[in-house]
Amino acid sequence: MSKPAAADAPPSVRLDKWLWAARFYKTRALAVEEIGKGRVQINGQAAKASREVKLGDCLSLRQGEVAREVWVRGLSSIRGPAPVAQLLYEETPESLLRRAQQAQARRLAPEPAASITQGRPTKLDRRRLAQWDRWSAELPDA
C-alpha cells in the first residue's frame, strides 16, 4: 500500500500566492508582474511566479524603492489580516538596518521634485515674471 503524496511532500505554496498572502503586494497580478521584472529572488536565484516557496527560504524583493530581504517562517495561500500576515516572514537584521538608513537619507535629503507644490507657471504668472525685467529699481536723477 502506498502513502499519500501529500504526507511525504514538504508543504509549499506558489511564490505569487505567498507574496500576496504575506501582504507584500496588493494583488497577485502585481506580485506576478514584479516577479517577471526580476525584482524577486529566492535564495539568491531568479524566481518565477509558479516557483514553490518552502519554510526557511530567503526571499529578496523590492517594493517600490524599498529593498527587503526576508526569511519564510510560515506558509499560507490565503490572504488574512495584517497581524497574521506578519507572522509568515521575518525580516533579516541587515535588511532592517538598510531600510532604516534609506529612510534617514530620504528625511535628510528629500527628492527636490517632491517639494514642488504647483506645476508650470500659468500665463498670468509668466507675465508677472516678465514684468520684473521691464522695470528698473533705480531712482530717477533729480
Protein backbone atom coordinates (compact mmCIF):
# COMPACT_ATOMS: atom_id res chain seq x y z
CA MET A 1 0.00 0.00 0.00
CA SER A 2 1.45 3.41 -0.95
CA LYS A 3 1.48 6.57 1.12
CA PRO A 4 -0.43 9.64 0.03
CA ALA A 5 1.76 12.09 -1.90
CA ALA A 6 0.84 15.00 0.40
CA ALA A 7 2.05 13.19 3.52
CA ASP A 8 5.70 12.86 2.48
CA ALA A 9 5.97 16.06 0.39
CA PRO A 10 7.16 19.17 2.25
CA PRO A 11 4.49 21.86 2.45
CA SER A 12 4.91 24.59 -0.13
CA VAL A 13 2.99 27.43 -1.74
CA ARG A 14 3.34 29.24 -5.06
CA LEU A 15 5.54 32.33 -4.78
CA ASP A 16 2.96 34.76 -6.16
CA LYS A 17 0.29 33.47 -3.76
CA TRP A 18 2.65 33.67 -0.78
CA LEU A 19 3.72 37.27 -1.60
CA TRP A 20 0.06 38.24 -1.90
CA ALA A 21 -0.92 36.40 1.32
CA ALA A 22 2.01 37.99 3.22
CA ARG A 23 0.79 41.40 2.01
CA PHE A 24 3.92 42.44 0.15
CA TYR A 25 1.77 43.24 -2.90
CA LYS A 26 -1.88 44.26 -3.04
CA THR A 27 -2.86 41.80 -5.79
CA ARG A 28 -1.48 38.57 -7.18
CA ALA A 29 -1.21 40.26 -10.57
CA LEU A 30 1.16 42.87 -9.09
CA ALA A 31 3.18 40.08 -7.47
CA VAL A 32 3.45 38.25 -10.81
CA GLU A 33 4.48 41.50 -12.54
CA GLU A 34 7.25 42.19 -10.01
CA ILE A 35 8.48 38.60 -10.24
CA GLY A 36 8.51 38.87 -14.04
CA LYS A 37 10.64 42.02 -13.83
CA GLY A 38 13.24 40.11 -11.81
CA ARG A 39 12.64 42.03 -8.58
CA VAL A 40 12.05 38.88 -6.52
CA GLN A 41 14.68 36.22 -5.83
CA ILE A 42 14.58 33.04 -3.78
CA ASN A 43 17.86 32.05 -2.11
CA GLY A 44 19.77 34.35 -4.47
CA GLN A 45 18.29 32.83 -7.63
CA ALA A 46 15.83 34.34 -10.08
CA ALA A 47 12.31 33.08 -9.49
CA LYS A 48 9.14 32.51 -11.46
CA ALA A 49 5.62 33.07 -10.17
CA SER A 50 4.93 29.34 -10.07
CA ARG A 51 8.05 28.58 -8.03
CA GLU A 52 7.27 26.83 -4.75
CA VAL A 53 8.18 28.65 -1.52
CA LYS A 54 9.25 26.48 1.42
CA LEU A 55 9.86 27.21 5.09
CA GLY A 56 13.32 28.66 5.65
CA ASP A 57 13.68 30.16 2.15
CA CYS A 58 15.32 33.57 1.93
CA LEU A 59 13.44 35.99 -0.34
CA SER A 60 14.89 39.23 -1.72
CA LEU A 61 12.29 41.61 -3.09
CA ARG A 62 11.66 45.24 -3.90
CA GLN A 63 8.57 47.24 -3.06
CA GLY A 64 8.95 50.45 -5.00
CA GLU A 65 12.25 51.95 -3.81
CA VAL A 66 12.46 49.73 -0.75
CA ALA A 67 14.57 46.57 -0.98
CA ARG A 68 13.76 43.87 1.57
CA GLU A 69 15.22 40.50 2.50
CA VAL A 70 13.00 38.13 4.48
CA TRP A 71 13.02 34.57 5.79
CA VAL A 72 9.90 32.48 5.20
CA ARG A 73 8.55 31.46 8.63
CA GLY A 74 5.05 30.34 7.67
CA LEU A 75 3.10 29.27 4.60
CA SER A 76 -0.32 30.44 3.55
CA SER A 77 -2.15 30.79 0.28
CA ILE A 78 -4.99 32.73 1.90
CA ARG A 79 -4.78 36.47 2.46
CA GLY A 80 -5.69 37.25 6.05
CA PRO A 81 -5.38 40.19 8.41
CA ALA A 82 -2.09 42.10 8.55
CA PRO A 83 -1.04 40.80 12.01
CA VAL A 84 -1.41 37.22 10.77
CA ALA A 85 0.44 38.04 7.53
CA GLN A 86 3.40 39.43 9.51
CA LEU A 87 3.83 36.03 11.15
CA LEU A 88 4.59 34.48 7.74
CA TYR A 89 8.02 36.11 7.46
CA GLU A 90 10.90 37.56 9.43
CA GLU A 91 12.99 40.37 8.02
CA THR A 92 16.75 39.94 8.30
CA PRO A 93 18.66 42.37 10.57
CA GLU A 94 20.75 43.60 7.62
CA SER A 95 17.58 44.42 5.71
CA LEU A 96 16.11 46.29 8.67
CA LEU A 97 19.30 48.31 9.07
CA ARG A 98 19.47 49.09 5.34
CA ARG A 99 15.82 50.24 5.30
CA ALA A 100 16.40 52.48 8.34
CA GLN A 101 19.45 54.06 6.65
CA GLN A 102 17.47 54.65 3.45
CA ALA A 103 14.62 56.24 5.41
CA GLN A 104 17.09 58.51 7.22
CA ALA A 105 18.67 59.52 3.90
CA ARG A 106 15.22 60.35 2.46
CA ARG A 107 14.45 62.52 5.50
CA LEU A 108 17.76 64.40 5.34
CA ALA A 109 17.86 64.85 1.57
CA PRO A 110 14.34 64.68 0.16
CA GLU A 111 13.71 64.44 -3.54
CA PRO A 112 13.72 68.02 -4.93
CA ALA A 113 10.75 67.34 -7.18
CA ALA A 114 8.66 66.34 -4.16
CA SER A 115 8.80 69.91 -2.82
CA ILE A 116 7.09 71.38 -5.90
CA THR A 117 3.53 72.14 -4.91
CA GLN A 118 2.45 73.69 -8.19
CA GLY A 119 3.13 72.73 -11.75
CA ARG A 120 4.20 75.03 -14.52
CA PRO A 121 3.57 78.74 -14.16
CA THR A 122 0.30 79.97 -15.64
CA LYS A 123 0.12 82.60 -18.35
CA LEU A 124 -0.53 85.25 -15.69
CA ASP A 125 2.47 84.08 -13.66
CA ARG A 126 4.71 84.27 -16.72
CA ARG A 127 3.55 87.82 -17.48
CA ARG A 128 4.30 88.89 -13.91
CA LEU A 129 7.77 87.35 -14.13
CA ALA A 130 8.39 89.12 -17.44
CA GLN A 131 7.39 92.48 -15.94
CA TRP A 132 10.20 92.27 -13.42
CA ASP A 133 12.71 92.63 -16.24
CA ARG A 134 10.97 95.70 -17.71
CA TRP A 135 11.25 97.95 -14.71
CA SER A 136 14.40 99.09 -13.09
CA ALA A 137 14.87 99.75 -9.41
CA GLU A 138 16.95 102.89 -9.98
CA LEU A 139 15.84 106.26 -8.72
CA PRO A 140 15.41 108.95 -11.35
CA ASP A 141 18.04 111.67 -11.47
CA ALA A 142 16.87 114.81 -9.77
